[in-house]
Amino acid sequence: MSVATGKPQYIKLAKDAGLPAQNCQYCHTTAVPKNETFKPDDLNERGKWLVAEAKRKATAADPAWLKEYPGPKEQAK
């Protein structure tokens, strides 16, 4: 599994972590991103930061990491 692979349940996990995520656009530039057409440019700054956190050697991104995001915490769109 790639760290860049997002999942719909990430929204719930981000909310459970106390973040204001309302939809996929919390990390993506499109409302409903598709794995088969995904490009790194489809991520906003928050999403790019999360992918860069692959240095944690995880098999998948953990939405709780977003609590450490140094940028704005509010919903992008």
PDB file of N, CA and C in Angstrom:
ATOM      1  N   MET A   1       0.844  -1.179   0.000  1.00  0.00           N
ATOM      2  CA  MET A   1       0.000   0.000   0.000  1.00  0.00           C
ATOM      3  C   MET A   1       0.879   1.229   0.000  1.00  0.00           C
ATOM      4  N   SER A   2       0.509   2.211  -0.746  1.00  0.00           N
ATOM      5  CA  SER A   2       1.244   3.458  -0.832  1.00  0.00           C
ATOM      6  C   SER A   2       0.777   4.428   0.236  1.00  0.00           C
ATOM      7  N   VAL A   3       1.694   5.212   0.754  1.00  0.00           N
ATOM      8  CA  VAL A   3       1.332   6.233   1.731  1.00  0.00           C
ATOM      9  C   VAL A   3       0.423   7.266   1.090  1.00  0.00           C
ATOM     10  N   ALA A   4       0.521   7.440  -0.229  1.00  0.00           N
ATOM     11  CA  ALA A   4      -0.281   8.440  -0.920  1.00  0.00           C
ATOM     12  C   ALA A   4      -1.718   7.985  -1.165  1.00  0.00           C
ATOM     13  N   THR A   5      -2.029   6.767  -0.847  1.00  0.00           N
ATOM     14  CA  THR A   5      -3.370   6.261  -1.081  1.00  0.00           C
ATOM     15  C   THR A   5      -4.324   6.770  -0.008  1.00  0.00           C
ATOM     16  N   GLY A   6      -5.261   7.599  -0.430  1.00  0.00           N
ATOM     17  CA  GLY A   6      -6.264   8.105   0.500  1.00  0.00           C
ATOM     18  C   GLY A   6      -7.454   7.164   0.525  1.00  0.00           C
ATOM     19  N   LYS A   7      -8.220   7.277   1.570  1.00  0.00           N
ATOM     20  CA  LYS A   7      -9.398   6.438   1.723  1.00  0.00           C
ATOM     21  C   LYS A   7     -10.521   7.285   2.281  1.00  0.00           C
ATOM     22  N   PRO A   8     -11.759   7.007   1.894  1.00  0.00           N
ATOM     23  CA  PRO A   8     -12.880   7.797   2.413  1.00  0.00           C
ATOM     24  C   PRO A   8     -12.937   7.834   3.935  1.00  0.00           C
ATOM     25  N   GLN A   9     -12.553   6.761   4.599  1.00  0.00           N
ATOM     26  CA  GLN A   9     -12.615   6.747   6.059  1.00  0.00           C
ATOM     27  C   GLN A   9     -11.606   7.699   6.696  1.00  0.00           C
ATOM     28  N   TYR A  10     -10.672   8.237   5.911  1.00  0.00           N
ATOM     29  CA  TYR A  10      -9.715   9.206   6.461  1.00  0.00           C
ATOM     30  C   TYR A  10     -10.431  10.451   6.973  1.00  0.00           C
ATOM     31  N   ILE A  11     -11.553  10.820   6.368  1.00  0.00           N
ATOM     32  CA  ILE A  11     -12.308  11.982   6.837  1.00  0.00           C
ATOM     33  C   ILE A  11     -12.776  11.726   8.269  1.00  0.00           C
ATOM     34  N   LYS A  12     -13.350  10.566   8.513  1.00  0.00           N
ATOM     35  CA  LYS A  12     -13.814  10.237   9.864  1.00  0.00           C
ATOM     36  C   LYS A  12     -12.647  10.194  10.843  1.00  0.00           C
ATOM     37  N   LEU A  13     -11.543   9.597  10.432  1.00  0.00           N
ATOM     38  CA  LEU A  13     -10.377   9.511  11.315  1.00  0.00           C
ATOM     39  C   LEU A  13      -9.820  10.897  11.633  1.00  0.00           C
ATOM     40  N   ALA A  14      -9.820  11.786  10.638  1.00  0.00           N
ATOM     41  CA  ALA A  14      -9.354  13.156  10.873  1.00  0.00           C
ATOM     42  C   ALA A  14     -10.296  13.867  11.839  1.00  0.00           C
ATOM     43  N   LYS A  15     -11.606  13.697  11.655  1.00  0.00           N
ATOM     44  CA  LYS A  15     -12.583  14.296  12.577  1.00  0.00           C
ATOM     45  C   LYS A  15     -12.412  13.731  13.978  1.00  0.00           C
ATOM     46  N   ASP A  16     -12.207  12.433  14.079  1.00  0.00           N
ATOM     47  CA  ASP A  16     -12.005  11.789  15.377  1.00  0.00           C
ATOM     48  C   ASP A  16     -10.752  12.328  16.075  1.00  0.00           C
ATOM     49  N   ALA A  17      -9.784  12.796  15.279  1.00  0.00           N
ATOM     50  CA  ALA A  17      -8.559  13.366  15.838  1.00  0.00           C
ATOM     51  C   ALA A  17      -8.757  14.835  16.222  1.00  0.00           C
ATOM     52  N   GLY A  18      -9.993  15.332  16.038  1.00  0.00           N
ATOM     53  CA  GLY A  18     -10.297  16.707  16.430  1.00  0.00           C
ATOM     54  C   GLY A  18     -10.051  17.739  15.349  1.00  0.00           C
ATOM     55  N   LEU A  19      -9.887  17.301  14.111  1.00  0.00           N
ATOM     56  CA  LEU A  19      -9.627  18.220  13.000  1.00  0.00           C
ATOM     57  C   LEU A  19     -10.930  18.584  12.285  1.00  0.00           C
ATOM     58  N   PRO A  20     -10.981  19.753  11.644  1.00  0.00           N
ATOM     59  CA  PRO A  20     -12.213  20.211  11.006  1.00  0.00           C
ATOM     60  C   PRO A  20     -12.439  19.675   9.583  1.00  0.00           C
ATOM     61  N   ALA A  21     -11.926  18.508   9.266  1.00  0.00           N
ATOM     62  CA  ALA A  21     -12.104  17.924   7.929  1.00  0.00           C
ATOM     63  C   ALA A  21     -13.591  17.667   7.668  1.00  0.00           C
ATOM     64  N   GLN A  22     -14.081  18.140   6.538  1.00  0.00           N
ATOM     65  CA  GLN A  22     -15.475  17.932   6.160  1.00  0.00           C
ATOM     66  C   GLN A  22     -15.608  17.047   4.928  1.00  0.00           C
ATOM     67  N   ASN A  23     -14.555  17.023   4.099  1.00  0.00           N
ATOM     68  CA  ASN A  23     -14.589  16.239   2.866  1.00  0.00           C
ATOM     69  C   ASN A  23     -13.155  15.998   2.397  1.00  0.00           C
ATOM     70  N   CYS A  24     -13.021  15.370   1.247  1.00  0.00           N
ATOM     71  CA  CYS A  24     -11.703  15.018   0.722  1.00  0.00           C
ATOM     72  C   CYS A  24     -10.832  16.237   0.447  1.00  0.00           C
ATOM     73  N   GLN A  25     -11.473  17.393   0.268  1.00  0.00           N
ATOM     74  CA  GLN A  25     -10.701  18.589  -0.030  1.00  0.00           C
ATOM     75  C   GLN A  25      -9.926  19.116   1.175  1.00  0.00           C
ATOM     76  N   TYR A  26      -9.989  18.435   2.268  1.00  0.00           N
ATOM     77  CA  TYR A  26      -9.120  18.775   3.389  1.00  0.00           C
ATOM     78  C   TYR A  26      -7.667  18.521   2.988  1.00  0.00           C
ATOM     79  N   CYS A  27      -7.423  17.536   2.124  1.00  0.00           N
ATOM     80  CA  CYS A  27      -6.076  17.218   1.641  1.00  0.00           C
ATOM     81  C   CYS A  27      -5.944  17.230   0.114  1.00  0.00           C
ATOM     82  N   HIS A  28      -7.068  17.142  -0.592  1.00  0.00           N
ATOM     83  CA  HIS A  28      -7.057  17.076  -2.055  1.00  0.00           C
ATOM     84  C   HIS A  28      -7.632  18.347  -2.661  1.00  0.00           C
ATOM     85  N   THR A  29      -7.346  18.566  -3.946  1.00  0.00           N
ATOM     86  CA  THR A  29      -7.905  19.720  -4.641  1.00  0.00           C
ATOM     87  C   THR A  29      -9.247  19.400  -5.280  1.00  0.00           C
ATOM     88  N   THR A  30      -9.579  18.135  -5.412  1.00  0.00           N
ATOM     89  CA  THR A  30     -10.856  17.738  -6.008  1.00  0.00           C
ATOM     90  C   THR A  30     -11.769  17.153  -4.937  1.00  0.00           C
ATOM     91  N   ALA A  31     -13.069  17.295  -5.153  1.00  0.00           N
ATOM     92  CA  ALA A  31     -14.043  16.848  -4.155  1.00  0.00           C
ATOM     93  C   ALA A  31     -14.078  15.329  -4.015  1.00  0.00           C
ATOM     94  N   VAL A  32     -13.940  14.618  -5.138  1.00  0.00           N
ATOM     95  CA  VAL A  32     -13.988  13.156  -5.101  1.00  0.00           C
ATOM     96  C   VAL A  32     -12.819  12.615  -5.933  1.00  0.00           C
ATOM     97  N   PRO A  33     -11.626  12.548  -5.331  1.00  0.00           N
ATOM     98  CA  PRO A  33     -10.472  12.043  -6.075  1.00  0.00           C
ATOM     99  C   PRO A  33     -10.605  10.555  -6.383  1.00  0.00           C
ATOM    100  N   LYS A  34     -10.048  10.150  -7.483  1.00  0.00           N
ATOM    101  CA  LYS A  34     -10.089   8.749  -7.918  1.00  0.00           C
ATOM    102  C   LYS A  34      -8.672   8.185  -7.895  1.00  0.00           C
ATOM    103  N   ASN A  35      -8.488   7.017  -7.304  1.00  0.00           N
ATOM    104  CA  ASN A  35      -7.159   6.394  -7.254  1.00  0.00           C
ATOM    105  C   ASN A  35      -6.581   6.175  -8.639  1.00  0.00           C
ATOM    106  N   GLU A  36      -7.415   5.779  -9.596  1.00  0.00           N
ATOM    107  CA  GLU A  36      -6.900   5.447 -10.930  1.00  0.00           C
ATOM    108  C   GLU A  36      -6.436   6.670 -11.722  1.00  0.00           C
ATOM    109  N   THR A  37      -6.864   7.871 -11.346  1.00  0.00           N
ATOM    110  CA  THR A  37      -6.436   9.077 -12.064  1.00  0.00           C
ATOM    111  C   THR A  37      -5.629  10.015 -11.170  1.00  0.00           C
ATOM    112  N   PHE A  38      -5.281   9.576  -9.967  1.00  0.00           N
ATOM    113  CA  PHE A  38      -4.566  10.418  -9.016  1.00  0.00           C
ATOM    114  C   PHE A  38      -3.213  10.864  -9.538  1.00  0.00           C
ATOM    115  N   LYS A  39      -2.916  12.150  -9.326  1.00  0.00           N
ATOM    116  CA  LYS A  39      -1.605  12.730  -9.611  1.00  0.00           C
ATOM    117  C   LYS A  39      -1.211  13.525  -8.367  1.00  0.00           C
ATOM    118  N   PRO A  40       0.063  13.591  -8.043  1.00  0.00           N
ATOM    119  CA  PRO A  40       0.480  14.371  -6.873  1.00  0.00           C
ATOM    120  C   PRO A  40      -0.008  15.819  -6.903  1.00  0.00           C
ATOM    121  N   ASP A  41      -0.193  16.377  -8.096  1.00  0.00           N
ATOM    122  CA  ASP A  41      -0.700  17.747  -8.205  1.00  0.00           C
ATOM    123  C   ASP A  41      -2.144  17.863  -7.733  1.00  0.00           C
ATOM    124  N   ASP A  42      -2.817  16.733  -7.520  1.00  0.00           N
ATOM    125  CA  ASP A  42      -4.200  16.730  -7.041  1.00  0.00           C
ATOM    126  C   ASP A  42      -4.283  16.945  -5.529  1.00  0.00           C
ATOM    127  N   LEU A  43      -3.136  17.121  -4.884  1.00  0.00           N
ATOM    128  CA  LEU A  43      -3.110  17.364  -3.441  1.00  0.00           C
ATOM    129  C   LEU A  43      -2.926  18.855  -3.164  1.00  0.00           C
ATOM    130  N   ASN A  44      -3.566  19.336  -2.118  1.00  0.00           N
ATOM    131  CA  ASN A  44      -3.295  20.702  -1.683  1.00  0.00           C
ATOM    132  C   ASN A  44      -2.044  20.667  -0.795  1.00  0.00           C
ATOM    133  N   GLU A  45      -1.674  21.801  -0.213  1.00  0.00           N
ATOM    134  CA  GLU A  45      -0.452  21.844   0.593  1.00  0.00           C
ATOM    135  C   GLU A  45      -0.503  20.878   1.774  1.00  0.00           C
ATOM    136  N   ARG A  46      -1.673  20.754   2.394  1.00  0.00           N
ATOM    137  CA  ARG A  46      -1.828  19.834   3.526  1.00  0.00           C
ATOM    138  C   ARG A  46      -1.602  18.392   3.066  1.00  0.00           C
ATOM    139  N   GLY A  47      -2.180  18.023   1.933  1.00  0.00           N
ATOM    140  CA  GLY A  47      -2.016  16.676   1.406  1.00  0.00           C
ATOM    141  C   GLY A  47      -0.580  16.379   1.017  1.00  0.00           C
ATOM    142  N   LYS A  48       0.094  17.367   0.431  1.00  0.00           N
ATOM    143  CA  LYS A  48       1.502  17.185   0.057  1.00  0.00           C
ATOM    144  C   LYS A  48       2.353  16.994   1.308  1.00  0.00           C
ATOM    145  N   TRP A  49       2.033  17.730   2.364  1.00  0.00           N
ATOM    146  CA  TRP A  49       2.758  17.572   3.615  1.00  0.00           C
ATOM    147  C   TRP A  49       2.557  16.159   4.166  1.00  0.00           C
ATOM    148  N   LEU A  50       1.313  15.682   4.121  1.00  0.00           N
ATOM    149  CA  LEU A  50       1.008  14.356   4.651  1.00  0.00           C
ATOM    150  C   LEU A  50       1.774  13.275   3.891  1.00  0.00           C
ATOM    151  N   VAL A  51       1.846  13.394   2.574  1.00  0.00           N
ATOM    152  CA  VAL A  51       2.596  12.418   1.774  1.00  0.00           C
ATOM    153  C   VAL A  51       4.080  12.484   2.131  1.00  0.00           C
ATOM    154  N   ALA A  52       4.592  13.682   2.348  1.00  0.00           N
ATOM    155  CA  ALA A  52       6.010  13.830   2.703  1.00  0.00           C
ATOM    156  C   ALA A  52       6.322  13.170   4.038  1.00  0.00           C
ATOM    157  N   GLU A  53       5.313  12.952   4.850  1.00  0.00           N
ATOM    158  CA  GLU A  53       5.512  12.296   6.135  1.00  0.00           C
ATOM    159  C   GLU A  53       5.805  10.802   5.985  1.00  0.00           C
ATOM    160  N   ALA A  54       5.960  10.336   4.757  1.00  0.00           N
ATOM    161  CA  ALA A  54       6.342   8.936   4.514  1.00  0.00           C
ATOM    162  C   ALA A  54       7.654   8.616   5.217  1.00  0.00           C
ATOM    163  N   LYS A  55       8.392   9.653   5.603  1.00  0.00           N
ATOM    164  CA  LYS A  55       9.647   9.432   6.329  1.00  0.00           C
ATOM    165  C   LYS A  55       9.407   8.689   7.643  1.00  0.00           C
ATOM    166  N   ARG A  56       8.155   8.607   8.054  1.00  0.00           N
ATOM    167  CA  ARG A  56       7.816   7.882   9.282  1.00  0.00           C
ATOM    168  C   ARG A  56       7.846   6.367   9.064  1.00  0.00           C
ATOM    169  N   LYS A  57       8.097   5.958   7.838  1.00  0.00           N
ATOM    170  CA  LYS A  57       8.214   4.528   7.500  1.00  0.00           C
ATOM    171  C   LYS A  57       6.919   3.761   7.752  1.00  0.00           C
ATOM    172  N   ALA A  58       5.797   4.405   7.543  1.00  0.00           N
ATOM    173  CA  ALA A  58       4.504   3.754   7.719  1.00  0.00           C
ATOM    174  C   ALA A  58       4.058   3.128   6.405  1.00  0.00           C
ATOM    175  N   THR A  59       3.183   2.152   6.480  1.00  0.00           N
ATOM    176  CA  THR A  59       2.645   1.545   5.260  1.00  0.00           C
ATOM    177  C   THR A  59       1.475   2.350   4.723  1.00  0.00           C
ATOM    178  N   ALA A  60       0.881   3.217   5.550  1.00  0.00           N
ATOM    179  CA  ALA A  60      -0.221   4.074   5.117  1.00  0.00           C
ATOM    180  C   ALA A  60      -0.177   5.353   5.942  1.00  0.00           C
ATOM    181  N   ALA A  61      -0.670   6.421   5.358  1.00  0.00           N
ATOM    182  CA  ALA A  61      -0.737   7.689   6.080  1.00  0.00           C
ATOM    183  C   ALA A  61      -1.736   7.561   7.226  1.00  0.00           C
ATOM    184  N   ASP A  62      -1.472   8.255   8.293  1.00  0.00           N
ATOM    185  CA  ASP A  62      -2.369   8.266   9.441  1.00  0.00           C
ATOM    186  C   ASP A  62      -2.945   9.676   9.553  1.00  0.00           C
ATOM    187  N   PRO A  63      -4.262   9.838   9.364  1.00  0.00           N
ATOM    188  CA  PRO A  63      -4.852  11.174   9.438  1.00  0.00           C
ATOM    189  C   PRO A  63      -4.560  11.899  10.753  1.00  0.00           C
ATOM    190  N   ALA A  64      -4.266  11.192  11.814  1.00  0.00           N
ATOM    191  CA  ALA A  64      -3.925  11.841  13.084  1.00  0.00           C
ATOM    192  C   ALA A  64      -2.644  12.667  12.954  1.00  0.00           C
ATOM    193  N   TRP A  65      -1.782  12.325  12.002  1.00  0.00           N
ATOM    194  CA  TRP A  65      -0.575  13.113  11.776  1.00  0.00           C
ATOM    195  C   TRP A  65      -0.923  14.547  11.430  1.00  0.00           C
ATOM    196  N   LEU A  66      -2.108  14.754  10.849  1.00  0.00           N
ATOM    197  CA  LEU A  66      -2.500  16.103  10.431  1.00  0.00           C
ATOM    198  C   LEU A  66      -2.550  17.075  11.607  1.00  0.00           C
ATOM    199  N   LYS A  67      -2.631  16.572  12.816  1.00  0.00           N
ATOM    200  CA  LYS A  67      -2.596  17.451  13.988  1.00  0.00           C
ATOM    201  C   LYS A  67      -1.254  18.164  14.086  1.00  0.00           C
ATOM    202  N   GLU A  68      -0.220  17.603  13.444  1.00  0.00           N
ATOM    203  CA  GLU A  68       1.116  18.183  13.461  1.00  0.00           C
ATOM    204  C   GLU A  68       1.374  19.094  12.262  1.00  0.00           C
ATOM    205  N   TYR A  69       0.408  19.194  11.343  1.00  0.00           N
ATOM    206  CA  TYR A  69       0.587  20.013  10.146  1.00  0.00           C
ATOM    207  C   TYR A  69       0.879  21.455  10.562  1.00  0.00           C
ATOM    208  N   PRO A  70       1.974  22.044  10.060  1.00  0.00           N
ATOM    209  CA  PRO A  70       2.360  23.378  10.495  1.00  0.00           C
ATOM    210  C   PRO A  70       1.533  24.515   9.885  1.00  0.00           C
ATOM    211  N   GLY A  71       0.706  24.212   8.896  1.00  0.00           N
ATOM    212  CA  GLY A  71      -0.109  25.236   8.251  1.00  0.00           C
ATOM    213  C   GLY A  71      -1.465  25.390   8.921  1.00  0.00           C
ATOM    214  N   PRO A  72      -2.376  26.091   8.240  1.00  0.00           N
ATOM    215  CA  PRO A  72      -3.718  26.318   8.805  1.00  0.00           C
ATOM    216  C   PRO A  72      -4.453  25.004   9.065  1.00  0.00           C
ATOM    217  N   LYS A  73      -5.189  24.941  10.142  1.00  0.00           N
ATOM    218  CA  LYS A  73      -5.924  23.731  10.505  1.00  0.00           C
ATOM    219  C   LYS A  73      -7.329  23.702   9.909  1.00  0.00           C
ATOM    220  N   GLU A  74      -7.855  24.852   9.515  1.00  0.00           N
ATOM    221  CA  GLU A  74      -9.243  24.899   9.044  1.00  0.00           C
ATOM    222  C   GLU A  74      -9.418  24.174   7.710  1.00  0.00           C
ATOM    223  N   GLN A  75     -10.676  23.877   7.394  1.00  0.00           N
ATOM    224  CA  GLN A  75     -11.041  23.224   6.134  1.00  0.00           C
ATOM    225  C   GLN A  75     -10.671  24.164   4.992  1.00  0.00           C
ATOM    226  N   ALA A  76      -9.990  23.636   3.990  1.00  0.00           N
ATOM    227  CA  ALA A  76      -9.546  24.449   2.862  1.00  0.00           C
ATOM    228  C   ALA A  76     -10.709  24.974   2.041  1.00  0.00           C
ATOM    229  N   LYS A  77     -11.728  24.156   1.824  1.00  0.00           N
ATOM    230  CA  LYS A  77     -12.866  24.568   0.996  1.00  0.00           C
ATOM    231  C   LYS A  77     -14.137  24.186   1.657  1.00  0.00           C
TER     232      LYS A  77
END
